[in-house]
Protein backbone atom coordinates (compact mmCIF):
# COMPACT_ATOMS: atom_id res chain seq x y z
CA MET A 1 -37.30 7.88 -12.99
CA THR A 2 -34.14 9.59 -11.80
CA ALA A 3 -30.72 8.00 -11.79
CA VAL A 4 -29.14 7.26 -8.44
CA THR A 5 -25.62 8.44 -7.93
CA ALA A 6 -23.35 7.78 -4.96
CA LYS A 7 -21.83 10.78 -3.11
CA ARG A 8 -18.13 11.01 -3.82
CA PHE A 9 -15.89 12.65 -1.23
CA SER A 10 -12.84 14.83 -1.55
CA ILE A 11 -9.95 14.38 0.88
CA ALA A 12 -10.99 17.66 2.62
CA GLU A 13 -14.56 16.32 3.08
CA TYR A 14 -13.22 12.98 4.29
CA HIS A 15 -11.09 14.71 6.90
CA ARG A 16 -13.97 16.90 7.96
CA LEU A 17 -16.12 13.78 8.57
CA GLY A 18 -13.33 12.46 10.77
CA GLU A 19 -13.12 15.66 12.72
CA LEU A 20 -16.90 15.60 13.24
CA GLY A 21 -16.72 12.13 14.76
CA PHE A 22 -18.51 10.45 11.84
CA PHE A 23 -16.27 7.34 12.16
CA ALA A 24 -15.97 5.27 15.34
CA PRO A 25 -12.62 5.69 17.12
CA ASP A 26 -11.47 2.14 16.20
CA GLU A 27 -13.10 2.17 12.70
CA ARG A 28 -10.49 1.60 9.92
CA VAL A 29 -11.44 3.32 6.74
CA GLU A 30 -9.64 4.77 3.72
CA LEU A 31 -10.69 7.01 0.81
CA ILE A 32 -10.39 5.40 -2.61
CA ARG A 33 -11.55 7.37 -5.62
CA GLY A 34 -14.02 9.36 -3.59
CA GLU A 35 -15.51 6.29 -1.85
CA ILE A 36 -15.08 5.65 1.86
CA ILE A 37 -13.97 2.02 2.05
CA LYS A 38 -14.14 0.04 5.28
CA MET A 39 -10.82 -1.79 5.65
CA ALA A 40 -10.87 -5.53 6.26
CA ALA A 41 -10.04 -6.83 9.73
CA LYS A 42 -6.55 -8.29 9.96
CA GLY A 43 -6.03 -11.93 10.74
CA THR A 44 -3.01 -13.15 12.72
CA PHE A 45 -1.08 -14.27 9.61
CA HIS A 46 -1.49 -10.81 8.09
CA SER A 47 -0.50 -9.02 11.28
CA VAL A 48 2.55 -11.13 11.84
CA CYS A 49 3.75 -10.70 8.21
CA ASN A 50 3.20 -6.94 8.39
CA SER A 51 5.16 -6.73 11.72
CA LEU A 52 8.02 -8.86 10.44
CA LEU A 53 8.18 -6.70 7.31
CA LEU A 54 8.40 -3.51 9.22
CA LYS A 55 10.90 -4.99 11.69
CA LYS A 56 13.25 -5.83 8.76
CA LEU A 57 12.77 -2.59 6.83
CA TYR A 58 13.41 -0.07 9.65
CA PRO A 59 17.01 -1.09 10.36
CA LEU A 60 17.70 -1.83 6.67
CA LEU A 61 16.76 1.70 5.54
CA GLU A 62 17.87 3.53 8.74
CA GLU A 63 18.36 7.16 7.78
CA ARG A 64 18.18 6.60 3.97
CA ALA A 65 14.33 6.72 3.71
CA ILE A 66 11.20 6.89 5.81
CA VAL A 67 9.28 3.67 6.46
CA ARG A 68 5.64 4.16 7.24
CA GLY A 69 3.32 1.42 8.51
CA GLN A 70 -0.46 1.67 7.79
CA GLU A 71 -0.33 5.52 7.40
CA PRO A 72 -2.15 7.56 4.78
CA ILE A 73 -0.71 8.65 1.45
CA ILE A 74 -2.25 11.26 -0.83
CA LEU A 75 -2.68 10.10 -4.47
CA SER A 76 -5.26 12.62 -5.78
CA ALA A 77 -7.89 14.97 -4.53
CA ASP A 78 -10.19 12.02 -3.81
CA SER A 79 -7.82 9.13 -2.80
CA GLU A 80 -6.04 8.73 0.50
CA PRO A 81 -5.31 5.01 0.95
CA GLU A 82 -3.45 3.60 3.94
CA PRO A 83 -1.14 0.86 2.54
CA ASP A 84 0.44 -1.62 4.88
CA VAL A 85 3.89 -0.24 4.25
CA VAL A 86 5.27 2.75 2.35
CA ILE A 87 8.87 3.61 1.76
CA ALA A 88 9.15 7.33 1.10
CA ARG A 89 11.98 9.75 0.40
CA ASN A 90 13.43 11.52 3.40
CA ARG A 91 11.95 14.96 3.95
CA SER A 92 13.12 17.54 6.50
CA ASP A 93 9.69 17.83 8.15
CA ASN A 94 9.13 14.06 8.26
CA TYR A 95 5.83 14.62 6.44
CA LEU A 96 4.40 16.75 9.20
CA SER A 97 3.07 19.26 6.64
CA SER A 98 1.38 16.58 4.53
CA HIS A 99 1.23 12.86 3.87
CA PRO A 100 3.58 11.48 1.17
CA GLU A 101 2.45 12.05 -2.39
CA PRO A 102 3.44 10.04 -5.45
CA ALA A 103 6.66 12.04 -6.09
CA ASP A 104 7.77 11.17 -2.51
CA ILE A 105 6.97 7.41 -2.70
CA LEU A 106 9.62 4.80 -3.63
CA LEU A 107 7.58 1.70 -2.82
CA VAL A 108 4.05 0.77 -1.80
CA ILE A 109 3.38 -2.53 -0.17
CA GLU A 110 0.12 -4.31 0.56
CA VAL A 111 -0.07 -7.48 2.64
CA SER A 112 -2.93 -9.52 1.22
CA ASP A 113 -5.05 -12.42 2.16
CA SER A 114 -8.85 -11.69 2.19
CA THR A 115 -8.16 -8.48 0.19
CA LEU A 116 -6.00 -10.06 -2.49
CA LYS A 117 -8.43 -9.52 -5.40
CA TYR A 118 -9.03 -5.90 -4.31
CA ASP A 119 -5.29 -5.28 -3.98
CA ARG A 120 -4.60 -6.83 -7.41
CA LYS A 121 -7.30 -4.85 -9.22
CA THR A 122 -8.59 -1.65 -7.55
CA LYS A 123 -5.41 -0.75 -5.56
CA LEU A 124 -3.03 -1.80 -8.39
CA SER A 125 -4.89 0.36 -10.90
CA LEU A 126 -4.93 3.27 -8.46
CA TYR A 127 -1.22 3.03 -7.73
CA ALA A 128 -0.35 2.71 -11.40
CA GLU A 129 -2.53 5.73 -12.33
CA SER A 130 -0.74 7.70 -9.67
CA GLU A 131 2.58 6.67 -11.25
CA ILE A 132 3.80 4.87 -8.15
CA SER A 133 6.92 3.20 -9.69
CA ASP A 134 6.94 0.05 -7.54
CA TYR A 135 4.05 -1.82 -5.92
CA TRP A 136 4.49 -5.09 -4.03
CA ILE A 137 1.80 -7.46 -2.85
CA PHE A 138 2.75 -9.93 -0.15
CA ASN A 139 0.31 -12.58 -1.28
CA LEU A 140 -0.49 -14.66 1.81
CA VAL A 141 -2.90 -16.91 -0.15
CA ASP A 142 -0.27 -18.33 -2.42
CA ILE A 143 2.71 -17.47 -0.09
CA GLN A 144 4.63 -15.37 -2.61
CA LEU A 145 5.67 -11.73 -3.26
CA GLU A 146 4.23 -10.10 -6.39
CA MET A 147 6.40 -7.23 -7.55
CA HIS A 148 4.91 -4.74 -9.98
CA SER A 149 6.84 -2.00 -11.78
CA GLU A 150 6.64 0.35 -14.76
CA PRO A 151 3.14 1.86 -14.50
CA TYR A 152 1.37 2.63 -17.75
CA GLN A 153 -2.05 3.52 -19.17
CA LYS A 154 -3.76 0.85 -21.29
CA GLN A 155 -4.86 1.62 -24.80
CA ARG A 156 -8.46 1.11 -23.88
CA GLY A 157 -8.33 3.02 -20.59
CA GLY A 158 -7.41 1.92 -17.14
CA PHE A 159 -3.93 1.59 -15.65
CA ASP A 160 -1.61 -1.29 -14.92
CA TYR A 161 2.06 -2.25 -14.50
CA ARG A 162 4.08 -3.51 -17.43
CA VAL A 163 6.33 -5.73 -15.34
CA LYS A 164 5.16 -8.34 -12.79
CA ARG A 165 7.57 -10.67 -11.07
CA VAL A 166 6.70 -13.39 -8.64
CA VAL A 167 9.22 -14.16 -5.97
CA LEU A 168 9.09 -17.23 -3.70
CA PRO A 169 9.29 -16.97 0.14
CA ASN A 170 12.78 -18.48 0.24
CA GLU A 171 14.31 -15.80 -2.08
CA VAL A 172 15.91 -12.45 -1.63
CA VAL A 173 14.80 -9.18 -3.30
CA VAL A 174 16.44 -5.80 -3.79
CA ILE A 175 14.66 -2.76 -2.36
CA PRO A 176 13.64 -0.35 -5.11
CA GLY A 177 15.87 2.74 -5.16
CA PHE A 178 18.51 1.02 -3.06
CA PRO A 179 20.45 -1.49 -5.20
CA ASP A 180 22.74 -2.23 -2.27
CA LEU A 181 19.90 -3.29 0.03
CA SER A 182 18.18 -6.59 -0.08
CA LEU A 183 15.35 -8.22 1.81
CA ASP A 184 15.35 -11.91 2.75
CA LEU A 185 11.71 -12.99 2.23
CA SER A 186 12.10 -15.97 4.51
CA ALA A 187 12.40 -13.50 7.44
CA VAL A 188 9.11 -11.86 6.44
CA PHE A 189 6.70 -14.70 5.55
CA PRO A 190 5.71 -16.25 8.82
CA ALA A 191 6.30 -19.98 9.20
CA GLN A 192 2.91 -21.61 9.33
CA SER A 193 2.22 -24.41 11.79
CA GLY A 194 1.70 -27.66 10.02
CA ASP A 195 4.18 -26.93 7.18
């Protein structure tokens, strides 16, 4: 009996599949550790939170950094996730020559409801392994922001963040890399009807 192994894709192979029309035009996928992952459909709460977050970040950061919404980043030869928001260093070509890589990235943000477990485990480990210094999860299940910083490798393998801070939706946080800029979370977490 032979063992069954899944085919793992490189970023180049993944892009080639896209060029060949392997994915439907409206199909949302990302490459995580060589696996093509179908992204979850976004509910209204997720979409509104993501839109409000981008609406606040664009004017806050203006010319000081590049804010990207649901665009690819390159973490390794086999991982090209599409986080909800990325704050990247300014670059003269505005990332025309390539998507941001770990050295370019100041903050990765995921907005999570149905994907919370995946974002806390798989994505968190991937971002920590890639030495992304700051990773935020807008947790729409518990209505809180989970801020992760100081990536490290565990003694028994795997990657994590040493520091985790939970911030409530009525609080204000400082944007990593910009100690003079703060984000009022009450302007990002959508008010829910019935609250």
